Amino acid sequence: MDILLSSKPRYVRCIRERRKFVELRQQFLLDREIGTIFVYASFPIKRICGFFLPRTICSLPIAELWEQTRSLSCVEEDEFLK
């Protein structure tokens, strides 16, 4: 199954600059086989800006997730904790 993932333009920019390697979501389809993930940049861009094939999709406790992804996600800790 292919997925359309909406993301803020600043995160899309980080992906294009090869600074963002992890996408964090509160909920995701862990029980399905995921194929291509298309990245949609939200307002004001409002278009599909690229795609990728996921290597791993996992669910972790919050503290462990932050420790493993903080340098890969382009997200500040306060935003992550929201």
C-alpha atoms as a PDB file:
ATOM      1  CA  MET A   1       0.000   0.000   0.000  1.00  0.00           C
ATOM      2  CA  ASP A   2       1.292   3.451  -0.923  1.00  0.00           C
ATOM      3  CA  ILE A   3       0.907   6.389   1.483  1.00  0.00           C
ATOM      4  CA  LEU A   4       0.547  10.164   1.060  1.00  0.00           C
ATOM      5  CA  LEU A   5       2.306  11.865   3.983  1.00  0.00           C
ATOM      6  CA  SER A   6       1.581  15.531   4.647  1.00  0.00           C
ATOM      7  CA  SER A   7       4.494  17.500   6.096  1.00  0.00           C
ATOM      8  CA  LYS A   8       5.253  21.123   6.869  1.00  0.00           C
ATOM      9  CA  PRO A   9       7.429  22.844   4.240  1.00  0.00           C
ATOM     10  CA  ARG A  10      10.298  23.316   6.719  1.00  0.00           C
ATOM     11  CA  TYR A  11      10.537  19.538   7.174  1.00  0.00           C
ATOM     12  CA  VAL A  12      10.320  18.931   3.438  1.00  0.00           C
ATOM     13  CA  ARG A  13      13.224  21.369   3.062  1.00  0.00           C
ATOM     14  CA  CYS A  14      15.223  19.388   5.662  1.00  0.00           C
ATOM     15  CA  ILE A  15      14.537  16.175   3.737  1.00  0.00           C
ATOM     16  CA  ARG A  16      15.728  17.739   0.481  1.00  0.00           C
ATOM     17  CA  GLU A  17      18.854  19.070   2.228  1.00  0.00           C
ATOM     18  CA  ARG A  18      19.533  15.528   3.495  1.00  0.00           C
ATOM     19  CA  ARG A  19      19.343  16.597   7.142  1.00  0.00           C
ATOM     20  CA  LYS A  20      16.121  14.740   8.011  1.00  0.00           C
ATOM     21  CA  PHE A  21      16.214  10.944   7.901  1.00  0.00           C
ATOM     22  CA  VAL A  22      13.405  10.041  10.307  1.00  0.00           C
ATOM     23  CA  GLU A  23       9.719  10.901  10.139  1.00  0.00           C
ATOM     24  CA  LEU A  24       7.913  10.990  13.477  1.00  0.00           C
ATOM     25  CA  ARG A  25       4.189  10.301  13.661  1.00  0.00           C
ATOM     26  CA  GLN A  26       1.848   9.872  16.611  1.00  0.00           C
ATOM     27  CA  GLN A  27      -0.009   7.150  14.739  1.00  0.00           C
ATOM     28  CA  PHE A  28       0.926   5.073  11.742  1.00  0.00           C
ATOM     29  CA  LEU A  29      -0.174   1.879  10.011  1.00  0.00           C
ATOM     30  CA  LEU A  30       2.112  -0.657  11.671  1.00  0.00           C
ATOM     31  CA  ASP A  31       0.026  -3.630  10.614  1.00  0.00           C
ATOM     32  CA  ARG A  32       0.221  -3.020   6.866  1.00  0.00           C
ATOM     33  CA  GLU A  33       2.866  -3.546   4.222  1.00  0.00           C
ATOM     34  CA  ILE A  34       3.940  -0.028   3.199  1.00  0.00           C
ATOM     35  CA  GLY A  35       5.261   0.587  -0.307  1.00  0.00           C
ATOM     36  CA  THR A  36       6.082   4.080  -1.539  1.00  0.00           C
ATOM     37  CA  ILE A  37       5.554   7.084   0.722  1.00  0.00           C
ATOM     38  CA  PHE A  38       4.782  10.272  -1.188  1.00  0.00           C
ATOM     39  CA  VAL A  39       5.664  13.517   0.601  1.00  0.00           C
ATOM     40  CA  TYR A  40       3.122  16.322   0.343  1.00  0.00           C
ATOM     41  CA  ALA A  41       4.285  19.802   1.440  1.00  0.00           C
ATOM     42  CA  SER A  42       1.414  21.574   3.192  1.00  0.00           C
ATOM     43  CA  PHE A  43       0.514  25.271   2.973  1.00  0.00           C
ATOM     44  CA  PRO A  44       1.756  27.401   1.278  1.00  0.00           C
ATOM     45  CA  ILE A  45       3.412  24.957  -1.173  1.00  0.00           C
ATOM     46  CA  LYS A  46       0.513  22.475  -1.402  1.00  0.00           C
ATOM     47  CA  ARG A  47       2.010  19.858  -3.694  1.00  0.00           C
ATOM     48  CA  ILE A  48       3.770  16.502  -3.741  1.00  0.00           C
ATOM     49  CA  CYS A  49       7.487  17.184  -3.493  1.00  0.00           C
ATOM     50  CA  GLY A  50       8.992  13.721  -3.548  1.00  0.00           C
ATOM     51  CA  PHE A  51       8.760  10.129  -2.418  1.00  0.00           C
ATOM     52  CA  PHE A  52      10.762   7.481  -0.603  1.00  0.00           C
ATOM     53  CA  LEU A  53      10.682   3.811   0.310  1.00  0.00           C
ATOM     54  CA  PRO A  54      10.745   3.251   4.083  1.00  0.00           C
ATOM     55  CA  ARG A  55      13.512   1.113   5.522  1.00  0.00           C
ATOM     56  CA  THR A  56      11.931   0.557   8.931  1.00  0.00           C
ATOM     57  CA  ILE A  57       8.666   1.452  10.626  1.00  0.00           C
ATOM     58  CA  CYS A  58       8.648   1.043  14.380  1.00  0.00           C
ATOM     59  CA  SER A  59       6.879   2.026  17.573  1.00  0.00           C
ATOM     60  CA  LEU A  60       8.967   2.885  20.656  1.00  0.00           C
ATOM     61  CA  PRO A  61       8.427   4.414  24.099  1.00  0.00           C
ATOM     62  CA  ILE A  62       8.722   8.224  23.956  1.00  0.00           C
ATOM     63  CA  ALA A  63      12.049   8.510  25.823  1.00  0.00           C
ATOM     64  CA  GLU A  64      13.692   5.815  23.724  1.00  0.00           C
ATOM     65  CA  LEU A  65      12.295   7.260  20.507  1.00  0.00           C
ATOM     66  CA  TRP A  66      13.752  10.690  21.307  1.00  0.00           C
ATOM     67  CA  GLU A  67      17.171   9.248  22.192  1.00  0.00           C
ATOM     68  CA  GLN A  68      17.349   7.318  18.938  1.00  0.00           C
ATOM     69  CA  THR A  69      16.002   9.998  16.590  1.00  0.00           C
ATOM     70  CA  ARG A  70      16.817  13.467  17.920  1.00  0.00           C
ATOM     71  CA  SER A  71      19.795  13.991  15.628  1.00  0.00           C
ATOM     72  CA  LEU A  72      17.961  12.528  12.610  1.00  0.00           C
ATOM     73  CA  SER A  73      14.563  14.236  12.720  1.00  0.00           C
ATOM     74  CA  CYS A  74      15.156  18.034  12.533  1.00  0.00           C
ATOM     75  CA  VAL A  75      12.732  18.406  15.458  1.00  0.00           C
ATOM     76  CA  GLU A  76      13.458  20.325  18.667  1.00  0.00           C
ATOM     77  CA  GLU A  77      12.770  18.506  21.942  1.00  0.00           C
ATOM     78  CA  ASP A  78       9.941  20.805  23.061  1.00  0.00           C
ATOM     79  CA  GLU A  79       8.134  20.253  19.751  1.00  0.00           C
ATOM     80  CA  PHE A  80       8.735  16.511  19.978  1.00  0.00           C
ATOM     81  CA  LEU A  81       7.196  16.368  23.457  1.00  0.00           C
ATOM     82  CA  LYS A  82       4.007  18.144  22.265  1.00  0.00           C
END
